[in-house]
């Protein structure tokens, strides 16, 4: 049985928070807020171990930065706000 590469990639992406990371980045980039994406997959070290944070957002007023980690939950409930809030069970 062969596996479609697109299905394999989709399964990997859905297993982690990468889709949410892209959605958050897009929302910040396309919105009219004072926040901007300063860095994505920003590297740092914990002793000798390299690690990465998903996004670093910076406020245009200066001095404020947010470190954003996007995690996928299994069997949880997501509440998404907006003009028409919705609840998604996963």
Protein backbone atom coordinates (compact mmCIF):
# COMPACT_ATOMS: atom_id res chain seq x y z
CA UNK A 1 0.00 0.00 0.00
CA UNK A 2 1.48 3.35 -1.00
CA UNK A 3 1.06 6.53 1.01
CA UNK A 4 0.32 9.81 -0.72
CA UNK A 5 3.15 12.21 0.28
CA UNK A 6 0.61 15.02 0.75
CA UNK A 7 -1.28 12.91 3.30
CA UNK A 8 1.94 12.10 5.14
CA UNK A 9 2.96 15.76 5.32
CA UNK A 10 -0.54 16.79 6.41
CA UNK A 11 -0.51 14.16 9.18
CA UNK A 12 2.83 15.43 10.50
CA UNK A 13 1.71 19.07 10.37
CA UNK A 14 -1.58 18.26 12.12
CA UNK A 15 0.18 16.33 14.87
CA UNK A 16 1.85 19.50 16.11
CA UNK A 17 0.90 23.18 16.33
CA UNK A 18 2.36 24.20 12.98
CA UNK A 19 -1.01 24.95 11.39
CA UNK A 20 -1.95 27.16 14.34
CA UNK A 21 1.45 28.85 14.13
CA UNK A 22 0.84 29.73 10.48
CA UNK A 23 -2.67 30.99 11.28
CA UNK A 24 -1.42 33.20 14.12
CA UNK A 25 1.39 34.57 11.96
CA UNK A 26 -1.06 35.31 9.13
CA UNK A 27 -3.55 36.96 11.51
CA UNK A 28 -0.87 39.25 12.95
CA UNK A 29 0.60 40.08 9.54
CA UNK A 30 -2.76 40.82 7.91
CA UNK A 31 -4.38 42.67 10.83
CA UNK A 32 -4.30 46.35 11.60
CA UNK A 33 -2.64 46.03 15.01
CA UNK A 34 0.53 47.53 16.44
CA UNK A 35 2.05 44.02 16.61
CA UNK A 36 4.39 42.56 14.03
CA UNK A 37 6.11 39.21 13.60
CA UNK A 38 9.70 39.83 14.59
CA UNK A 39 10.93 36.24 14.33
CA UNK A 40 9.67 32.75 13.53
CA UNK A 41 11.28 29.52 14.69
CA UNK A 42 13.59 31.65 16.83
CA UNK A 43 16.56 29.64 18.11
CA UNK A 44 17.82 29.66 21.67
CA UNK A 45 19.86 27.31 23.84
CA UNK A 46 19.08 25.51 27.07
CA UNK A 47 22.63 24.72 28.12
CA UNK A 48 24.00 22.66 25.24
CA UNK A 49 20.54 21.81 23.87
CA UNK A 50 19.27 23.93 20.95
CA UNK A 51 15.59 24.85 21.14
CA UNK A 52 13.16 27.00 19.18
CA UNK A 53 10.16 29.19 19.95
CA UNK A 54 7.44 29.42 17.31
CA UNK A 55 7.00 33.19 17.03
CA UNK A 56 8.30 36.38 18.58
CA UNK A 57 5.93 39.33 18.21
CA UNK A 58 7.04 42.92 18.79
CA UNK A 59 4.88 45.96 19.54
CA UNK A 60 5.46 48.96 17.32
CA UNK A 61 5.56 51.21 20.39
CA UNK A 62 8.77 49.45 21.40
CA UNK A 63 9.76 47.59 24.51
CA UNK A 64 7.07 44.90 24.38
CA UNK A 65 7.69 41.45 22.96
CA UNK A 66 5.60 38.30 23.09
CA UNK A 67 7.02 34.81 22.81
CA UNK A 68 4.34 32.60 21.23
CA UNK A 69 4.33 28.80 21.40
CA UNK A 70 1.63 27.00 19.42
CA UNK A 71 0.76 23.55 20.74
CA UNK A 72 -1.66 20.97 19.43
CA UNK A 73 -3.95 19.40 22.01
CA UNK A 74 -5.40 15.95 21.59
CA UNK A 75 -9.04 15.52 22.50
CA UNK A 76 -9.46 19.11 23.62
CA UNK A 77 -11.83 21.93 22.79
CA UNK A 78 -10.74 25.11 21.01
CA UNK A 79 -12.70 28.32 21.46
CA UNK A 80 -12.00 30.70 18.60
CA UNK A 81 -13.06 34.31 19.01
CA UNK A 82 -14.01 36.74 16.29
CA UNK A 83 -17.09 38.19 14.65
CA UNK A 84 -18.77 34.78 14.89
CA UNK A 85 -17.13 32.86 17.76
CA UNK A 86 -17.10 29.08 17.38
CA UNK A 87 -16.18 26.05 19.43
CA UNK A 88 -14.32 23.19 17.79
CA UNK A 89 -13.97 19.79 19.42
CA UNK A 90 -10.84 17.89 18.41
